Protein backbone atom coordinates (compact mmCIF):
# COMPACT_ATOMS: atom_id res chain seq x y z
CA MET A 1 117.77 41.95 37.86
CA ALA A 2 114.20 42.14 39.44
CA LYS A 3 115.70 44.37 42.32
CA LYS A 4 117.18 46.69 39.61
CA GLN A 5 113.88 46.86 37.66
CA LYS A 6 111.95 47.66 40.93
CA ARG A 7 114.35 50.40 41.64
CA ARG A 8 114.09 51.86 38.22
CA GLU A 9 110.19 51.68 38.40
CA LYS A 10 110.28 53.43 41.91
CA GLN A 11 112.53 56.19 40.50
CA LEU A 12 110.25 56.76 37.36
CA SER A 13 107.17 56.87 39.62
CA TYR A 14 108.83 59.40 41.85
CA ASN A 15 109.97 61.45 38.87
CA GLU A 16 106.20 61.41 37.80
CA CYS A 17 105.17 62.87 41.07
CA ILE A 18 107.66 65.91 40.80
CA ALA A 19 107.91 66.46 37.13
CA ASP A 20 105.70 69.49 36.97
CA LEU A 21 107.53 70.96 39.85
CA ILE A 22 111.01 70.21 39.18
CA ASN A 23 111.22 72.47 35.90
CA HIS A 24 109.68 75.49 37.51
CA PRO A 25 112.24 78.34 37.53
CA LYS A 26 111.40 79.15 41.32
CA VAL A 27 111.92 75.50 42.38
CA ARG A 28 115.32 75.43 40.36
CA GLN A 29 116.27 78.85 42.08
CA MET A 30 116.43 76.94 45.42
CA ASP A 31 119.91 75.48 43.93
CA HIS A 32 121.38 79.12 44.46
CA TYR A 33 120.96 79.05 48.31
CA ILE A 34 123.04 77.03 50.62
CA HIS A 35 120.82 75.35 53.33
CA HIS A 36 122.90 73.17 55.69
CA GLY A 37 126.64 72.82 55.49
CA SER A 38 127.39 72.78 51.73
CA VAL A 39 124.21 71.27 50.57
CA SER A 40 121.86 73.55 48.49
CA CYS A 41 118.37 74.01 49.35
CA LEU A 42 117.23 72.22 46.11
CA GLU A 43 119.55 69.33 47.18
CA HIS A 44 118.17 69.15 50.68
CA CYS A 45 114.47 69.47 49.33
CA LEU A 46 115.07 66.70 46.81
CA SER A 47 116.56 64.40 49.43
CA VAL A 48 113.47 65.18 51.84
CA SER A 49 111.18 64.45 48.80
CA PHE A 50 112.76 61.22 47.79
CA TYR A 51 113.13 59.80 51.25
CA ALA A 52 109.52 60.85 52.06
CA TYR A 53 108.22 59.39 48.98
CA SER A 54 110.01 56.14 49.68
CA LEU A 55 108.86 55.77 53.26
CA SER A 56 105.31 56.81 52.37
CA ARG A 57 105.20 54.30 49.71
CA ARG A 58 106.34 51.59 52.12
CA LEU A 59 103.98 52.62 54.77
CA SER A 60 101.06 52.72 52.22
CA ARG A 61 100.93 48.98 52.53
CA HIS A 62 99.54 49.16 56.12
CA PHE A 63 98.40 52.85 56.63
CA ARG A 64 96.62 55.53 54.69
CA THR A 65 99.60 57.50 53.11
CA ASP A 66 99.94 59.39 49.94
CA PRO A 67 103.36 59.11 48.53
CA ARG A 68 102.64 61.63 45.77
CA SER A 69 101.90 64.34 48.47
CA ALA A 70 104.79 63.20 50.34
CA ALA A 71 107.12 63.74 47.36
CA ARG A 72 105.74 66.92 46.31
CA SER A 73 105.45 68.61 49.93
CA GLY A 74 109.03 67.38 50.49
CA LEU A 75 110.20 69.10 47.40
CA LEU A 76 108.32 72.44 48.24
CA HIS A 77 108.77 72.48 51.94
CA ASP A 78 111.71 74.98 51.99
CA LEU A 79 110.58 77.16 49.09
CA TYR A 80 111.37 80.39 50.94
CA LEU A 81 113.70 81.63 48.32
CA TYR A 82 116.30 83.81 50.37
CA ASP A 83 119.73 83.10 51.83
CA PRO A 84 119.21 82.79 55.66
CA HIS A 85 122.86 83.17 56.15
CA ASP A 86 123.23 86.54 54.45
CA GLY A 87 122.73 88.62 57.75
CA GLN A 88 119.86 90.48 56.20
CA PRO A 89 117.22 91.72 58.98
CA ARG A 90 114.01 89.57 58.53
CA GLU A 91 110.92 89.43 60.62
CA GLY A 92 111.35 86.80 63.13
CA LEU A 93 113.91 83.98 63.33
CA HIS A 94 114.32 81.72 60.09
CA GLY A 95 113.44 78.45 61.84
CA PHE A 96 110.11 79.79 63.02
CA THR A 97 109.12 81.84 60.20
CA HIS A 98 110.31 80.08 56.85
CA PRO A 99 107.43 77.52 56.70
CA ALA A 100 104.86 80.30 56.48
CA ARG A 101 106.89 81.86 53.73
CA ALA A 102 107.48 78.65 51.68
CA LEU A 103 103.75 77.87 52.00
CA ALA A 104 102.99 81.40 50.62
CA ASN A 105 105.45 80.92 47.78
CA ALA A 106 104.25 77.34 47.01
CA SER A 107 100.58 78.37 47.04
CA LYS A 108 101.28 81.14 44.66
CA TRP A 109 102.92 79.12 41.90
CA PHE A 110 101.45 75.67 42.43
CA ASP A 111 97.96 73.87 43.28
CA LEU A 112 98.50 72.22 46.53
CA ASN A 113 96.24 69.73 48.24
CA ALA A 114 95.54 69.96 51.97
CA ASP A 115 98.18 67.42 52.94
CA GLU A 116 100.87 69.01 50.89
CA ALA A 117 99.79 72.57 52.39
CA ASP A 118 99.86 71.07 56.03
CA ALA A 119 103.22 69.46 55.41
CA ILE A 120 104.67 72.63 54.27
CA LYS A 121 103.24 74.70 56.99
CA ASN A 122 104.09 72.41 59.90
CA HIS A 123 107.41 70.65 58.88
CA MET A 124 109.27 72.61 61.63
CA TRP A 125 107.08 71.29 64.29
CA PRO A 126 107.78 71.79 67.44
CA LEU A 127 109.11 75.14 66.44
CA THR A 128 105.88 75.93 64.64
CA PRO A 129 102.84 75.85 67.22
CA HIS A 130 100.62 73.41 65.22
CA LEU A 131 100.97 69.61 65.13
CA PRO A 132 101.22 68.04 61.56
CA ARG A 133 97.81 66.74 60.68
CA SER A 134 98.34 64.26 57.94
CA SER A 135 100.53 61.12 57.52
CA SER A 136 102.44 63.09 54.88
CA SER A 137 103.06 65.98 57.23
CA TRP A 138 104.40 63.74 59.89
CA ILE A 139 106.67 61.96 57.32
CA ILE A 140 108.07 65.36 56.09
CA CYS A 141 108.49 66.68 59.61
CA LEU A 142 110.56 63.50 60.49
CA ILE A 143 112.50 63.12 57.31
CA ASP A 144 113.33 66.68 57.20
CA LYS A 145 115.06 66.43 60.61
CA TYR A 146 116.73 63.24 59.64
CA CYS A 147 118.18 64.87 56.41
CA ALA A 148 119.16 67.99 58.40
CA VAL A 149 121.28 66.09 60.80
CA ASN A 150 123.03 64.11 57.99
CA GLU A 151 123.70 67.45 56.09
CA ARG A 152 124.76 69.37 59.26
CA PHE A 153 127.20 66.69 60.51
CA TYR A 154 128.39 65.36 57.20
CA LEU A 155 127.14 61.77 57.79
CA SER A 156 125.89 61.71 54.26
CA THR A 157 129.48 61.60 52.79
CA GLN A 158 130.75 59.11 55.46
CA PHE A 159 128.00 56.50 55.33
CA ARG A 160 126.41 57.24 51.93
CA LEU A 161 122.90 57.50 53.47
CA TYR A 162 122.15 60.29 51.13
CA PRO A 163 120.58 60.43 47.78
CA HIS A 164 121.21 64.02 46.93
CA ASN A 165 124.25 63.43 44.85
CA ALA A 166 122.99 60.08 43.21
CA VAL A 167 119.38 59.75 43.33
CA GLY A 168 118.43 63.35 43.79
CA ARG A 169 120.50 64.58 40.69
CA LEU A 170 119.34 61.69 38.65
CA ALA A 171 115.75 62.57 39.68
CA VAL A 172 116.32 66.33 38.45
CA GLU A 173 118.21 65.52 35.41
CA SER A 174 115.85 62.79 34.18
CA ALA A 175 112.67 64.89 35.17
CA TRP A 176 114.19 67.87 33.04
CA VAL A 177 115.06 65.68 30.23
CA GLU A 178 111.78 63.71 30.24
CA THR A 179 109.62 66.95 30.31
CA ALA A 180 111.91 68.74 27.71
CA SER A 181 111.52 65.92 25.33
CA ASN A 182 107.73 66.02 25.56
């Protein structure tokens, strides 16, 4: 029972970190774009966000990490709001240019701290030229790649490593319900 209670507290704490973001129409719009395989951009970002939050929380016992910044930047790191698979001409290749677009969008609609902005801007390192500076940035950079591999090669359905169907959807639904009831 204690394990279940801890998991519930962790989920509530995570939901508190993203509650003001998850209900924003631009964040919810990410659900309309396919990101990797059959996973939507919102599902991908929720997975990155939750795993980054969990890792950051675990590492915070020994290192200076910010689980809240990790959760928030994980959710916003791919807020570019276009379909990269639609064949439309864009300036530069998606992998190189979308972090700047995501940062511009996130900065336009949300107040970001320095760690969140750095994580969004540099999550595609080494494709982007600057190294991540904060622990949250490094966590997002690594977790994003982990999630992308799972999505691209469908490891999530084979090994159930992936929270986007269970934890991610639960986070979205409970965050929507919690803020709607307030």
